[in-house]
Protein backbone atom coordinates (compact mmCIF):
# COMPACT_ATOMS: atom_id res chain seq x y z
CA UNK A 1 -11.12 13.41 18.35
CA UNK A 2 -13.63 11.11 16.92
CA UNK A 3 -13.55 9.84 13.55
CA UNK A 4 -15.59 11.11 10.74
CA UNK A 5 -18.45 8.64 9.63
CA UNK A 6 -16.96 8.91 6.11
CA UNK A 7 -13.47 7.38 7.40
CA UNK A 8 -15.35 4.90 9.37
CA UNK A 9 -17.03 3.58 6.71
CA UNK A 10 -14.28 2.95 4.56
CA UNK A 11 -11.73 1.67 7.41
CA UNK A 12 -14.59 -0.94 8.21
CA UNK A 13 -16.14 -1.84 4.69
CA UNK A 14 -19.40 -2.19 6.39
CA UNK A 15 -22.16 -1.58 3.93
CA UNK A 16 -24.09 0.09 6.57
CA UNK A 17 -21.77 2.08 7.50
CA UNK A 18 -21.02 2.75 3.67
CA UNK A 19 -24.61 3.67 2.82
CA UNK A 20 -24.93 6.35 5.71
CA UNK A 21 -21.55 7.58 4.48
CA UNK A 22 -23.15 8.28 0.68
CA UNK A 23 -25.40 10.28 1.98
CA UNK A 24 -23.69 12.53 4.32
CA UNK A 25 -21.38 12.28 0.98
CA UNK A 26 -23.82 13.99 -1.37
CA UNK A 27 -25.27 16.30 1.20
CA UNK A 28 -21.94 18.01 1.71
CA UNK A 29 -22.00 17.85 -1.69
CA UNK A 30 -25.07 20.03 -1.74
CA UNK A 31 -23.51 22.32 0.56
CA UNK A 32 -19.90 22.22 -1.28
CA UNK A 33 -19.18 25.64 -2.82
CA UNK A 34 -15.74 25.42 -4.26
CA UNK A 35 -14.77 22.89 -6.87
CA UNK A 36 -12.17 21.93 -4.68
CA UNK A 37 -14.25 21.01 -1.87
CA UNK A 38 -16.41 18.79 -4.48
CA UNK A 39 -13.49 17.14 -5.61
CA UNK A 40 -11.94 16.07 -2.18
CA UNK A 41 -15.41 14.49 -1.84
CA UNK A 42 -15.87 12.88 -4.83
CA UNK A 43 -12.54 11.26 -4.25
CA UNK A 44 -13.76 9.57 -0.96
CA UNK A 45 -16.47 8.41 -2.86
CA UNK A 46 -15.00 6.59 -5.07
CA UNK A 47 -12.16 5.09 -2.57
CA UNK A 48 -15.29 3.83 -0.31
CA UNK A 49 -17.15 2.42 -3.06
CA UNK A 50 -13.73 0.37 -4.27
CA UNK A 51 -13.93 -0.78 -0.42
CA UNK A 52 -16.84 -2.06 -1.24
CA UNK A 53 -15.82 -3.75 -4.29
CA UNK A 54 -17.82 -1.16 -6.63
CA UNK A 55 -15.11 -0.95 -9.11
CA UNK A 56 -16.63 0.89 -12.28
CA UNK A 57 -18.73 3.19 -9.76
CA UNK A 58 -15.63 4.13 -7.85
CA UNK A 59 -13.68 4.58 -11.39
CA UNK A 60 -16.78 6.95 -12.42
CA UNK A 61 -16.43 8.75 -9.56
CA UNK A 62 -12.51 9.29 -10.15
CA UNK A 63 -13.72 10.73 -13.31
CA UNK A 64 -15.90 13.40 -11.87
CA UNK A 65 -13.23 14.76 -9.61
CA UNK A 66 -11.06 14.63 -12.30
CA UNK A 67 -13.29 16.95 -13.93
CA UNK A 68 -13.90 19.18 -10.60
CA UNK A 69 -10.26 20.03 -10.00
CA UNK A 70 -7.67 21.70 -12.79
CA UNK A 71 -4.89 19.74 -13.77
CA UNK A 72 -2.56 21.93 -12.81
CA UNK A 73 -3.36 20.99 -8.87
CA UNK A 74 -0.14 18.81 -8.01
CA UNK A 75 -1.63 17.66 -4.21
CA UNK A 76 -4.86 16.39 -6.20
CA UNK A 77 -3.56 14.77 -8.95
CA UNK A 78 -0.90 12.66 -6.28
CA UNK A 79 -4.39 11.70 -4.63
CA UNK A 80 -6.20 10.90 -7.84
CA UNK A 81 -2.95 8.86 -9.48
CA UNK A 82 -3.05 7.19 -6.28
CA UNK A 83 -6.64 5.93 -5.43
CA UNK A 84 -6.69 5.26 -9.26
CA UNK A 85 -3.64 2.92 -8.83
CA UNK A 86 -4.55 1.38 -5.98
CA UNK A 87 -8.05 0.26 -6.91
CA UNK A 88 -5.97 -2.70 -8.40
CA UNK A 89 -5.36 -4.28 -5.00
CA UNK A 90 -8.41 -3.91 -3.91
CA UNK A 91 -9.43 -5.90 -6.96
CA UNK A 92 -7.16 -8.19 -6.21
CA UNK A 93 -4.74 -7.46 -9.29
CA UNK A 94 -1.04 -6.67 -7.67
CA UNK A 95 1.68 -6.74 -10.81
CA UNK A 96 -1.18 -3.93 -12.17
CA UNK A 97 -1.12 -2.13 -8.54
CA UNK A 98 2.45 -2.56 -8.52
CA UNK A 99 3.18 -0.73 -12.16
CA UNK A 100 0.87 2.27 -11.34
CA UNK A 101 2.37 2.46 -8.18
CA UNK A 102 5.81 2.85 -9.03
CA UNK A 103 4.76 4.92 -11.67
CA UNK A 104 2.82 7.69 -8.86
CA UNK A 105 5.82 7.21 -6.66
CA UNK A 106 8.18 8.60 -9.67
CA UNK A 107 5.73 11.10 -11.34
CA UNK A 108 5.04 12.58 -8.04
CA UNK A 109 8.83 12.04 -5.96
CA UNK A 110 9.26 15.84 -4.77
CA UNK A 111 5.61 16.22 -3.33
CA UNK A 112 5.87 12.83 -2.01
CA UNK A 113 9.14 14.24 -0.17
CA UNK A 114 6.94 16.97 1.80
CA UNK A 115 5.59 16.02 5.61
CA UNK A 116 1.86 16.48 4.44
CA UNK A 117 1.80 13.91 1.98
CA UNK A 118 3.84 11.41 4.09
CA UNK A 119 0.94 9.04 5.02
CA UNK A 120 0.32 8.38 0.78
CA UNK A 121 3.97 8.07 0.49
CA UNK A 122 3.81 5.59 3.03
CA UNK A 123 0.73 3.69 1.90
CA UNK A 124 2.57 3.71 -1.29
CA UNK A 125 5.04 1.79 -0.33
CA UNK A 126 3.24 -0.66 2.04
CA UNK A 127 1.05 -1.57 -0.74
CA UNK A 128 4.47 -2.37 -3.41
CA UNK A 129 6.25 -4.26 -0.75
CA UNK A 130 2.86 -6.94 -0.45
CA UNK A 131 2.48 -6.25 -4.09
CA UNK A 132 6.18 -7.32 -4.89
CA UNK A 133 5.77 -10.46 -2.34
CA UNK A 134 2.35 -11.38 -4.18
CA UNK A 135 3.87 -11.21 -8.00
CA UNK A 136 7.23 -12.79 -7.00
CA UNK A 137 9.60 -9.63 -6.89
CA UNK A 138 11.77 -10.96 -3.86
CA UNK A 139 14.32 -8.64 -4.82
CA UNK A 140 12.40 -5.19 -4.50
CA UNK A 141 10.33 -6.52 -1.81
CA UNK A 142 12.30 -7.39 0.75
CA UNK A 143 14.46 -3.48 1.21
CA UNK A 144 10.55 -2.36 0.84
CA UNK A 145 9.34 -4.26 4.10
CA UNK A 146 12.48 -3.29 5.79
CA UNK A 147 11.83 0.42 5.07
CA UNK A 148 8.05 -0.21 6.02
CA UNK A 149 9.14 -1.85 9.62
CA UNK A 150 9.98 1.84 10.02
CA UNK A 151 6.37 3.51 9.39
CA UNK A 152 3.75 3.95 12.40
CA UNK A 153 1.60 1.13 10.71
CA UNK A 154 -1.44 -0.23 12.20
CA UNK A 155 -0.77 -3.19 14.32
CA UNK A 156 -2.05 -6.12 11.99
CA UNK A 157 0.09 -4.32 9.29
CA UNK A 158 3.11 -4.32 10.91
CA UNK A 159 2.45 -7.94 11.87
CA UNK A 160 1.52 -8.44 8.71
CA UNK A 161 5.45 -6.97 7.27
CA UNK A 162 7.57 -8.57 9.96
CA UNK A 163 5.87 -11.95 9.64
CA UNK A 164 6.45 -11.56 5.44
CA UNK A 165 9.87 -10.35 5.92
CA UNK A 166 11.27 -12.67 8.66
CA UNK A 167 8.88 -15.31 7.72
CA UNK A 168 10.33 -19.13 9.08
CA UNK A 169 13.37 -17.78 9.43
CA UNK A 170 15.40 -20.81 8.35
CA UNK A 171 18.26 -21.46 6.08
CA UNK A 172 18.69 -24.20 3.51
CA UNK A 173 20.62 -27.13 4.14
CA UNK A 174 24.22 -27.06 3.34
CA UNK A 175 24.17 -23.40 3.60
CA UNK A 176 23.72 -22.70 7.73
CA UNK A 177 27.49 -22.51 8.01
CA UNK A 178 26.79 -19.06 6.85
CA UNK A 179 24.65 -17.80 8.88
CA UNK A 180 23.34 -17.25 12.56
CA UNK A 181 20.20 -17.07 13.08
CA UNK A 182 18.76 -13.99 15.74
CA UNK A 183 17.27 -14.71 18.65
CA UNK A 184 14.35 -11.94 16.67
CA UNK A 185 14.40 -14.51 14.21
CA UNK A 186 16.56 -12.52 11.04
CA UNK A 187 19.61 -13.90 9.31
CA UNK A 188 23.35 -12.45 10.31
CA UNK A 189 25.78 -13.15 7.80
CA UNK A 190 29.11 -14.57 9.62
CA UNK A 191 31.00 -12.92 6.89
CA UNK A 192 31.11 -10.52 4.47
CA UNK A 193 29.32 -11.93 1.82
CA UNK A 194 26.54 -10.97 -0.97
CA UNK A 195 24.35 -14.74 -0.49
CA UNK A 196 20.64 -14.53 1.90
CA UNK A 197 19.45 -17.81 0.73
CA UNK A 198 16.28 -17.25 3.29
CA UNK A 199 12.57 -19.50 3.73
CA UNK A 200 9.66 -16.72 3.81
CA UNK A 201 6.14 -17.85 4.87
CA UNK A 202 3.82 -16.22 2.04
CA UNK A 203 0.00 -17.03 2.41
CA UNK A 204 1.25 -19.56 4.85
CA UNK A 205 3.26 -21.24 1.84
CA UNK A 206 6.88 -21.53 2.71
CA UNK A 207 8.83 -20.32 -0.70
CA UNK A 208 13.00 -19.99 -1.22
CA UNK A 209 14.12 -17.06 -1.74
CA UNK A 210 17.72 -17.30 -2.91
CA UNK A 211 19.46 -13.37 -4.47
CA UNK A 212 23.08 -12.59 -4.39
CA UNK A 213 26.21 -14.73 -5.32
CA UNK A 214 28.48 -16.68 -3.28
CA UNK A 215 32.56 -14.37 -2.84
């Protein structure tokens, strides 16, 4: 099925496609018969504005959307909180995004277990994984990235997750006897222990990660 032009504009962030999408959103808003429909369109407009880095305008649309739908609509509140938090990723503020996305995960934990909200859950976890790497929270990033590898991601997202987690797959000199290097580049302890000393490549910069202690 062909994608909606609004979805295409959001995915591409192309200014010309965005202008066409904005016209379509305004046209649909003028015909929307109920508050929920108007709120959904305003959320889409906010996401698109965020993709274009027009953050003040995006937040204004989120404010308008919140006025359309009652606070007791849990599905809407989840979408609103998620989009509000993800704007910080678009702004290049991974620390703030990580804090807010983690709060969304906690606040809406029960809803996010439902099949209908699976795509939002996966998006949150993927963002949290990469945000954790960017702010240096490697202990949290590794299990998140492992979880993300089970998601149905876009090929470029999957490749990015694997590169970030696997990295260059080297062991620091002096501890190489503790590990086997698997053909896929993963590290496997030669005996039971809690030490992992790996080198991963983040934005083409090798970073050494040590977590755990020798038994």
